[in-house]
PDB file of N, CA and C in Angstrom:
ATOM      1  N   SER A   1      -5.445  13.205  18.436  1.00  0.00           N
ATOM      2  CA  SER A   1      -5.333  13.393  17.001  1.00  0.00           C
ATOM      3  C   SER A   1      -5.761  12.116  16.281  1.00  0.00           C
ATOM      4  N   VAL A   2      -6.123  12.247  15.051  1.00  0.00           N
ATOM      5  CA  VAL A   2      -6.544  11.118  14.233  1.00  0.00           C
ATOM      6  C   VAL A   2      -5.306  10.381  13.745  1.00  0.00           C
ATOM      7  N   ILE A   3      -5.292   9.053  13.930  1.00  0.00           N
ATOM      8  CA  ILE A   3      -4.125   8.275  13.495  1.00  0.00           C
ATOM      9  C   ILE A   3      -4.478   7.233  12.446  1.00  0.00           C
ATOM     10  N   ALA A   4      -5.761   6.846  12.377  1.00  0.00           N
ATOM     11  CA  ALA A   4      -6.148   5.788  11.447  1.00  0.00           C
ATOM     12  C   ALA A   4      -7.598   5.947  11.025  1.00  0.00           C
ATOM     13  N   GLY A   5      -7.911   5.378   9.881  1.00  0.00           N
ATOM     14  CA  GLY A   5      -9.272   5.385   9.382  1.00  0.00           C
ATOM     15  C   GLY A   5      -9.532   4.137   8.572  1.00  0.00           C
ATOM     16  N   ALA A   6     -10.802   3.800   8.424  1.00  0.00           N
ATOM     17  CA  ALA A   6     -11.159   2.615   7.647  1.00  0.00           C
ATOM     18  C   ALA A   6     -12.348   2.929   6.756  1.00  0.00           C
ATOM     19  N   ASP A   7     -12.262   2.472   5.523  1.00  0.00           N
ATOM     20  CA  ASP A   7     -13.363   2.613   4.578  1.00  0.00           C
ATOM     21  C   ASP A   7     -13.205   1.543   3.516  1.00  0.00           C
ATOM     22  N   PRO A   8     -14.266   0.777   3.234  1.00  0.00           N
ATOM     23  CA  PRO A   8     -14.151  -0.264   2.209  1.00  0.00           C
ATOM     24  C   PRO A   8     -14.008   0.299   0.793  1.00  0.00           C
ATOM     25  N   ASP A   9     -14.353   1.541   0.599  1.00  0.00           N
ATOM     26  CA  ASP A   9     -14.247   2.186  -0.716  1.00  0.00           C
ATOM     27  C   ASP A   9     -12.841   2.771  -0.873  1.00  0.00           C
ATOM     28  N   ALA A  10     -12.053   2.180  -1.756  1.00  0.00           N
ATOM     29  CA  ALA A  10     -10.655   2.599  -1.937  1.00  0.00           C
ATOM     30  C   ALA A  10     -10.540   4.074  -2.308  1.00  0.00           C
ATOM     31  N   ARG A  11     -11.473   4.588  -3.097  1.00  0.00           N
ATOM     32  CA  ARG A  11     -11.404   6.016  -3.475  1.00  0.00           C
ATOM     33  C   ARG A  11     -11.605   6.916  -2.265  1.00  0.00           C
ATOM     34  N   MET A  12     -12.531   6.557  -1.391  1.00  0.00           N
ATOM     35  CA  MET A  12     -12.765   7.350  -0.182  1.00  0.00           C
ATOM     36  C   MET A  12     -11.559   7.278   0.750  1.00  0.00           C
ATOM     37  N   ARG A  13     -10.981   6.069   0.868  1.00  0.00           N
ATOM     38  CA  ARG A  13      -9.784   5.890   1.700  1.00  0.00           C
ATOM     39  C   ARG A  13      -8.653   6.759   1.200  1.00  0.00           C
ATOM     40  N   GLU A  14      -8.422   6.701  -0.093  1.00  0.00           N
ATOM     41  CA  GLU A  14      -7.348   7.482  -0.705  1.00  0.00           C
ATOM     42  C   GLU A  14      -7.582   8.983  -0.502  1.00  0.00           C
ATOM     43  N   GLY A  15      -8.828   9.403  -0.655  1.00  0.00           N
ATOM     44  CA  GLY A  15      -9.160  10.812  -0.437  1.00  0.00           C
ATOM     45  C   GLY A  15      -8.892  11.250   0.990  1.00  0.00           C
ATOM     46  N   ALA A  16      -9.222  10.389   1.953  1.00  0.00           N
ATOM     47  CA  ALA A  16      -8.974  10.714   3.359  1.00  0.00           C
ATOM     48  C   ALA A  16      -7.487  10.824   3.646  1.00  0.00           C
ATOM     49  N   VAL A  17      -6.713   9.911   3.085  1.00  0.00           N
ATOM     50  CA  VAL A  17      -5.255   9.942   3.280  1.00  0.00           C
ATOM     51  C   VAL A  17      -4.682  11.228   2.690  1.00  0.00           C
ATOM     52  N   ASN A  18      -5.153  11.600   1.518  1.00  0.00           N
ATOM     53  CA  ASN A  18      -4.661  12.822   0.875  1.00  0.00           C
ATOM     54  C   ASN A  18      -5.043  14.073   1.658  1.00  0.00           C
ATOM     55  N   LYS A  19      -6.282  14.133   2.154  1.00  0.00           N
ATOM     56  CA  LYS A  19      -6.717  15.293   2.963  1.00  0.00           C
ATOM     57  C   LYS A  19      -5.886  15.381   4.240  1.00  0.00           C
ATOM     58  N   ALA A  20      -5.642  14.238   4.860  1.00  0.00           N
ATOM     59  CA  ALA A  20      -4.835  14.234   6.075  1.00  0.00           C
ATOM     60  C   ALA A  20      -3.421  14.706   5.777  1.00  0.00           C
ATOM     61  N   LYS A  21      -2.868  14.237   4.668  1.00  0.00           N
ATOM     62  CA  LYS A  21      -1.512  14.635   4.282  1.00  0.00           C
ATOM     63  C   LYS A  21      -1.432  16.143   4.075  1.00  0.00           C
ATOM     64  N   GLU A  22      -2.457  16.720   3.439  1.00  0.00           N
ATOM     65  CA  GLU A  22      -2.508  18.174   3.229  1.00  0.00           C
ATOM     66  C   GLU A  22      -2.496  18.924   4.558  1.00  0.00           C
ATOM     67  N   ALA A  23      -3.074  18.294   5.587  1.00  0.00           N
ATOM     68  CA  ALA A  23      -3.118  18.907   6.913  1.00  0.00           C
ATOM     69  C   ALA A  23      -1.890  18.566   7.753  1.00  0.00           C
ATOM     70  N   GLY A  24      -0.938  17.846   7.155  1.00  0.00           N
ATOM     71  CA  GLY A  24       0.277  17.492   7.869  1.00  0.00           C
ATOM     72  C   GLY A  24       0.133  16.298   8.794  1.00  0.00           C
ATOM     73  N   VAL A  25      -0.882  15.472   8.540  1.00  0.00           N
ATOM     74  CA  VAL A  25      -1.138  14.305   9.383  1.00  0.00           C
ATOM     75  C   VAL A  25      -0.890  13.033   8.587  1.00  0.00           C
ATOM     76  N   SER A  26      -0.186  12.092   9.196  1.00  0.00           N
ATOM     77  CA  SER A  26       0.041  10.792   8.572  1.00  0.00           C
ATOM     78  C   SER A  26      -1.081   9.859   9.027  1.00  0.00           C
ATOM     79  N   LEU A  27      -1.910   9.420   8.093  1.00  0.00           N
ATOM     80  CA  LEU A  27      -3.074   8.606   8.413  1.00  0.00           C
ATOM     81  C   LEU A  27      -2.886   7.184   7.908  1.00  0.00           C
ATOM     82  N   ALA A  28      -2.999   6.219   8.800  1.00  0.00           N
ATOM     83  CA  ALA A  28      -2.993   4.812   8.396  1.00  0.00           C
ATOM     84  C   ALA A  28      -4.401   4.485   7.923  1.00  0.00           C
ATOM     85  N   ALA A  29      -4.531   3.874   6.753  1.00  0.00           N
ATOM     86  CA  ALA A  29      -5.846   3.610   6.183  1.00  0.00           C
ATOM     87  C   ALA A  29      -6.058   2.120   5.959  1.00  0.00           C
ATOM     88  N   TYR A  30      -7.272   1.667   6.246  1.00  0.00           N
ATOM     89  CA  TYR A  30      -7.613   0.256   6.154  1.00  0.00           C
ATOM     90  C   TYR A  30      -8.915   0.068   5.395  1.00  0.00           C
ATOM     91  N   GLY A  31      -9.045  -1.067   4.730  1.00  0.00           N
ATOM     92  CA  GLY A  31     -10.262  -1.388   4.003  1.00  0.00           C
ATOM     93  C   GLY A  31     -11.347  -1.939   4.909  1.00  0.00           C
ATOM     94  N   ARG A  32     -10.956  -2.447   6.074  1.00  0.00           N
ATOM     95  CA  ARG A  32     -11.918  -2.994   7.032  1.00  0.00           C
ATOM     96  C   ARG A  32     -11.604  -2.435   8.407  1.00  0.00           C
ATOM     97  N   TYR A  33     -12.644  -2.026   9.120  1.00  0.00           N
ATOM     98  CA  TYR A  33     -12.411  -1.440  10.441  1.00  0.00           C
ATOM     99  C   TYR A  33     -11.810  -2.463  11.401  1.00  0.00           C
ATOM    100  N   GLN A  34     -12.116  -3.744  11.205  1.00  0.00           N
ATOM    101  CA  GLN A  34     -11.556  -4.775  12.076  1.00  0.00           C
ATOM    102  C   GLN A  34     -10.026  -4.799  11.983  1.00  0.00           C
ATOM    103  N   GLU A  35      -9.502  -4.587  10.772  1.00  0.00           N
ATOM    104  CA  GLU A  35      -8.047  -4.532  10.586  1.00  0.00           C
ATOM    105  C   GLU A  35      -7.463  -3.342  11.343  1.00  0.00           C
ATOM    106  N   MET A  36      -8.169  -2.213  11.290  1.00  0.00           N
ATOM    107  CA  MET A  36      -7.709  -1.018  11.982  1.00  0.00           C
ATOM    108  C   MET A  36      -7.678  -1.247  13.491  1.00  0.00           C
ATOM    109  N   LEU A  37      -8.744  -1.828  14.037  1.00  0.00           N
ATOM    110  CA  LEU A  37      -8.788  -2.081  15.479  1.00  0.00           C
ATOM    111  C   LEU A  37      -7.662  -3.014  15.904  1.00  0.00           C
ATOM    112  N   ALA A  38      -7.401  -4.042  15.105  1.00  0.00           N
ATOM    113  CA  ALA A  38      -6.342  -5.001  15.435  1.00  0.00           C
ATOM    114  C   ALA A  38      -4.952  -4.375  15.324  1.00  0.00           C
ATOM    115  N   ALA A  39      -4.761  -3.492  14.359  1.00  0.00           N
ATOM    116  CA  ALA A  39      -3.446  -2.889  14.129  1.00  0.00           C
ATOM    117  C   ALA A  39      -3.109  -1.790  15.133  1.00  0.00           C
ATOM    118  N   HIS A  40      -4.127  -1.236  15.780  1.00  0.00           N
ATOM    119  CA  HIS A  40      -3.912  -0.119  16.708  1.00  0.00           C
ATOM    120  C   HIS A  40      -4.613  -0.393  18.044  1.00  0.00           C
ATOM    121  N   PRO A  41      -4.145  -1.389  18.794  1.00  0.00           N
ATOM    122  CA  PRO A  41      -4.829  -1.742  20.045  1.00  0.00           C
ATOM    123  C   PRO A  41      -4.771  -0.644  21.105  1.00  0.00           C
ATOM    124  N   GLY A  42      -3.891   0.318  20.945  1.00  0.00           N
ATOM    125  CA  GLY A  42      -3.769   1.388  21.927  1.00  0.00           C
ATOM    126  C   GLY A  42      -4.617   2.611  21.632  1.00  0.00           C
ATOM    127  N   ILE A  43      -5.477   2.524  20.625  1.00  0.00           N
ATOM    128  CA  ILE A  43      -6.332   3.669  20.290  1.00  0.00           C
ATOM    129  C   ILE A  43      -7.178   4.029  21.509  1.00  0.00           C
ATOM    130  N   ASP A  44      -7.253   5.314  21.829  1.00  0.00           N
ATOM    131  CA  ASP A  44      -8.051   5.771  22.966  1.00  0.00           C
ATOM    132  C   ASP A  44      -9.540   5.766  22.651  1.00  0.00           C
ATOM    133  N   ALA A  45      -9.894   6.206  21.440  1.00  0.00           N
ATOM    134  CA  ALA A  45     -11.306   6.336  21.104  1.00  0.00           C
ATOM    135  C   ALA A  45     -11.532   6.099  19.616  1.00  0.00           C
ATOM    136  N   VAL A  46     -12.738   5.657  19.310  1.00  0.00           N
ATOM    137  CA  VAL A  46     -13.142   5.379  17.932  1.00  0.00           C
ATOM    138  C   VAL A  46     -14.381   6.205  17.622  1.00  0.00           C
ATOM    139  N   PHE A  47     -14.400   6.814  16.471  1.00  0.00           N
ATOM    140  CA  PHE A  47     -15.565   7.551  15.990  1.00  0.00           C
ATOM    141  C   PHE A  47     -16.229   6.689  14.932  1.00  0.00           C
ATOM    142  N   VAL A  48     -17.440   6.230  15.186  1.00  0.00           N
ATOM    143  CA  VAL A  48     -18.161   5.374  14.242  1.00  0.00           C
ATOM    144  C   VAL A  48     -19.054   6.257  13.366  1.00  0.00           C
ATOM    145  N   ALA A  49     -18.700   6.321  12.096  1.00  0.00           N
ATOM    146  CA  ALA A  49     -19.445   7.140  11.132  1.00  0.00           C
ATOM    147  C   ALA A  49     -19.785   6.302   9.908  1.00  0.00           C
ATOM    148  N   THR A  50     -20.298   5.119  10.168  1.00  0.00           N
ATOM    149  CA  THR A  50     -20.653   4.185   9.118  1.00  0.00           C
ATOM    150  C   THR A  50     -22.120   4.352   8.743  1.00  0.00           C
ATOM    151  N   PRO A  51     -22.574   3.673   7.680  1.00  0.00           N
ATOM    152  CA  PRO A  51     -24.021   3.638   7.436  1.00  0.00           C
ATOM    153  C   PRO A  51     -24.730   3.046   8.664  1.00  0.00           C
ATOM    154  N   ASP A  52     -25.955   3.463   8.894  1.00  0.00           N
ATOM    155  CA  ASP A  52     -26.701   3.092  10.107  1.00  0.00           C
ATOM    156  C   ASP A  52     -26.661   1.605  10.444  1.00  0.00           C
ATOM    157  N   HIS A  53     -26.791   0.748   9.431  1.00  0.00           N
ATOM    158  CA  HIS A  53     -26.883  -0.685   9.715  1.00  0.00           C
ATOM    159  C   HIS A  53     -25.567  -1.291  10.209  1.00  0.00           C
ATOM    160  N   TRP A  54     -24.467  -0.547  10.162  1.00  0.00           N
ATOM    161  CA  TRP A  54     -23.186  -1.028  10.679  1.00  0.00           C
ATOM    162  C   TRP A  54     -22.841  -0.439  12.046  1.00  0.00           C
ATOM    163  N   HIS A  55     -23.619   0.511  12.545  1.00  0.00           N
ATOM    164  CA  HIS A  55     -23.282   1.182  13.805  1.00  0.00           C
ATOM    165  C   HIS A  55     -23.096   0.216  14.964  1.00  0.00           C
ATOM    166  N   ALA A  56     -24.058  -0.660  15.185  1.00  0.00           N
ATOM    167  CA  ALA A  56     -24.011  -1.531  16.363  1.00  0.00           C
ATOM    168  C   ALA A  56     -22.791  -2.448  16.326  1.00  0.00           C
ATOM    169  N   LEU A  57     -22.542  -3.104  15.200  1.00  0.00           N
ATOM    170  CA  LEU A  57     -21.433  -4.058  15.119  1.00  0.00           C
ATOM    171  C   LEU A  57     -20.078  -3.368  15.308  1.00  0.00           C
ATOM    172  N   ALA A  58     -19.864  -2.249  14.624  1.00  0.00           N
ATOM    173  CA  ALA A  58     -18.588  -1.536  14.760  1.00  0.00           C
ATOM    174  C   ALA A  58     -18.402  -1.025  16.188  1.00  0.00           C
ATOM    175  N   THR A  59     -19.465  -0.532  16.793  1.00  0.00           N
ATOM    176  CA  THR A  59     -19.394  -0.033  18.170  1.00  0.00           C
ATOM    177  C   THR A  59     -19.072  -1.155  19.134  1.00  0.00           C
ATOM    178  N   ILE A  60     -19.760  -2.279  19.015  1.00  0.00           N
ATOM    179  CA  ILE A  60     -19.520  -3.420  19.899  1.00  0.00           C
ATOM    180  C   ILE A  60     -18.089  -3.926  19.752  1.00  0.00           C
ATOM    181  N   ASP A  61     -17.607  -4.044  18.528  1.00  0.00           N
ATOM    182  CA  ASP A  61     -16.233  -4.518  18.313  1.00  0.00           C
ATOM    183  C   ASP A  61     -15.210  -3.583  18.951  1.00  0.00           C
ATOM    184  N   ALA A  62     -15.406  -2.282  18.808  1.00  0.00           N
ATOM    185  CA  ALA A  62     -14.476  -1.318  19.414  1.00  0.00           C
ATOM    186  C   ALA A  62     -14.550  -1.367  20.938  1.00  0.00           C
ATOM    187  N   LEU A  63     -15.758  -1.470  21.486  1.00  0.00           N
ATOM    188  CA  LEU A  63     -15.903  -1.557  22.944  1.00  0.00           C
ATOM    189  C   LEU A  63     -15.257  -2.830  23.478  1.00  0.00           C
ATOM    190  N   ARG A  64     -15.426  -3.928  22.771  1.00  0.00           N
ATOM    191  CA  ARG A  64     -14.801  -5.189  23.200  1.00  0.00           C
ATOM    192  C   ARG A  64     -13.281  -5.101  23.153  1.00  0.00           C
ATOM    193  N   ALA A  65     -12.762  -4.233  22.288  1.00  0.00           N
ATOM    194  CA  ALA A  65     -11.313  -4.026  22.199  1.00  0.00           C
ATOM    195  C   ALA A  65     -10.829  -3.044  23.277  1.00  0.00           C
ATOM    196  N   GLY A  66     -11.755  -2.574  24.123  1.00  0.00           N
ATOM    197  CA  GLY A  66     -11.386  -1.690  25.230  1.00  0.00           C
ATOM    198  C   GLY A  66     -11.284  -0.227  24.856  1.00  0.00           C
ATOM    199  N   MET A  67     -11.890   0.164  23.756  1.00  0.00           N
ATOM    200  CA  MET A  67     -11.814   1.543  23.284  1.00  0.00           C
ATOM    201  C   MET A  67     -13.096   2.305  23.597  1.00  0.00           C
ATOM    202  N   ASP A  68     -12.971   3.589  23.861  1.00  0.00           N
ATOM    203  CA  ASP A  68     -14.140   4.440  24.003  1.00  0.00           C
ATOM    204  C   ASP A  68     -14.710   4.676  22.608  1.00  0.00           C
ATOM    205  N   VAL A  69     -16.026   4.901  22.522  1.00  0.00           N
ATOM    206  CA  VAL A  69     -16.673   5.044  21.218  1.00  0.00           C
ATOM    207  C   VAL A  69     -17.595   6.249  21.201  1.00  0.00           C
ATOM    208  N   TYR A  70     -17.510   7.015  20.128  1.00  0.00           N
ATOM    209  CA  TYR A  70     -18.493   8.051  19.807  1.00  0.00           C
ATOM    210  C   TYR A  70     -19.180   7.558  18.544  1.00  0.00           C
ATOM    211  N   CYS A  71     -20.497   7.368  18.612  1.00  0.00           N
ATOM    212  CA  CYS A  71     -21.228   6.817  17.479  1.00  0.00           C
ATOM    213  C   CYS A  71     -22.292   7.804  17.020  1.00  0.00           C
ATOM    214  N   GLU A  72     -22.375   7.986  15.705  1.00  0.00           N
ATOM    215  CA  GLU A  72     -23.427   8.822  15.150  1.00  0.00           C
ATOM    216  C   GLU A  72     -24.788   8.171  15.403  1.00  0.00           C
ATOM    217  N   LYS A  73     -25.840   8.973  15.407  1.00  0.00           N
ATOM    218  CA  LYS A  73     -27.193   8.445  15.571  1.00  0.00           C
ATOM    219  C   LYS A  73     -27.645   7.781  14.287  1.00  0.00           C
ATOM    220  N   PRO A  74     -28.468   6.782  14.364  1.00  0.00           N
ATOM    221  CA  PRO A  74     -28.865   6.022  15.550  1.00  0.00           C
ATOM    222  C   PRO A  74     -27.773   5.037  15.940  1.00  0.00           C
ATOM    223  N   LEU A  75     -27.688   4.749  17.230  1.00  0.00           N
ATOM    224  CA  LEU A  75     -26.684   3.803  17.710  1.00  0.00           C
ATOM    225  C   LEU A  75     -26.956   2.403  17.163  1.00  0.00           C
ATOM    226  N   ALA A  76     -28.233   2.048  17.062  1.00  0.00           N
ATOM    227  CA  ALA A  76     -28.620   0.727  16.573  1.00  0.00           C
ATOM    228  C   ALA A  76     -29.974   0.842  15.866  1.00  0.00           C
ATOM    229  N   LEU A  77     -30.306  -0.192  15.126  1.00  0.00           N
ATOM    230  CA  LEU A  77     -31.572  -0.199  14.400  1.00  0.00           C
ATOM    231  C   LEU A  77     -32.721  -0.807  15.197  1.00  0.00           C
ATOM    232  N   THR A  78     -32.389  -1.594  16.223  1.00  0.00           N
ATOM    233  CA  THR A  78     -33.426  -2.209  17.042  1.00  0.00           C
ATOM    234  C   THR A  78     -33.082  -2.029  18.511  1.00  0.00           C
ATOM    235  N   ILE A  79     -34.080  -2.218  19.371  1.00  0.00           N
ATOM    236  CA  ILE A  79     -33.857  -2.134  20.811  1.00  0.00           C
ATOM    237  C   ILE A  79     -32.882  -3.230  21.252  1.00  0.00           C
ATOM    238  N   ALA A  80     -33.017  -4.421  20.670  1.00  0.00           N
ATOM    239  CA  ALA A  80     -32.123  -5.533  21.028  1.00  0.00           C
ATOM    240  C   ALA A  80     -30.668  -5.214  20.704  1.00  0.00           C
ATOM    241  N   GLN A  81     -30.413  -4.581  19.561  1.00  0.00           N
ATOM    242  CA  GLN A  81     -29.036  -4.214  19.208  1.00  0.00           C
ATOM    243  C   GLN A  81     -28.485  -3.172  20.174  1.00  0.00           C
ATOM    244  N   GLY A  82     -29.324  -2.231  20.571  1.00  0.00           N
ATOM    245  CA  GLY A  82     -28.894  -1.152  21.466  1.00  0.00           C
ATOM    246  C   GLY A  82     -28.567  -1.695  22.842  1.00  0.00           C
TER     247      GLY A  82
END
């Protein structure tokens, strides 16, 4: 189940929390994904749904934290990042 989410846009964060609440889910929300990763070290998996230019960094940070990652395409913008 989803336990946390991160979005730098406060309106989007608030909307996600409200949608989760409507579904009976308590969602912890963060302005930075790094805060979310640090606050929930036991997360099993992370879904990276950021703008393309943030995919590689968010994926690498989650993998370094020992989490499995599902990332939207493209995984990276360059071969070196991938």
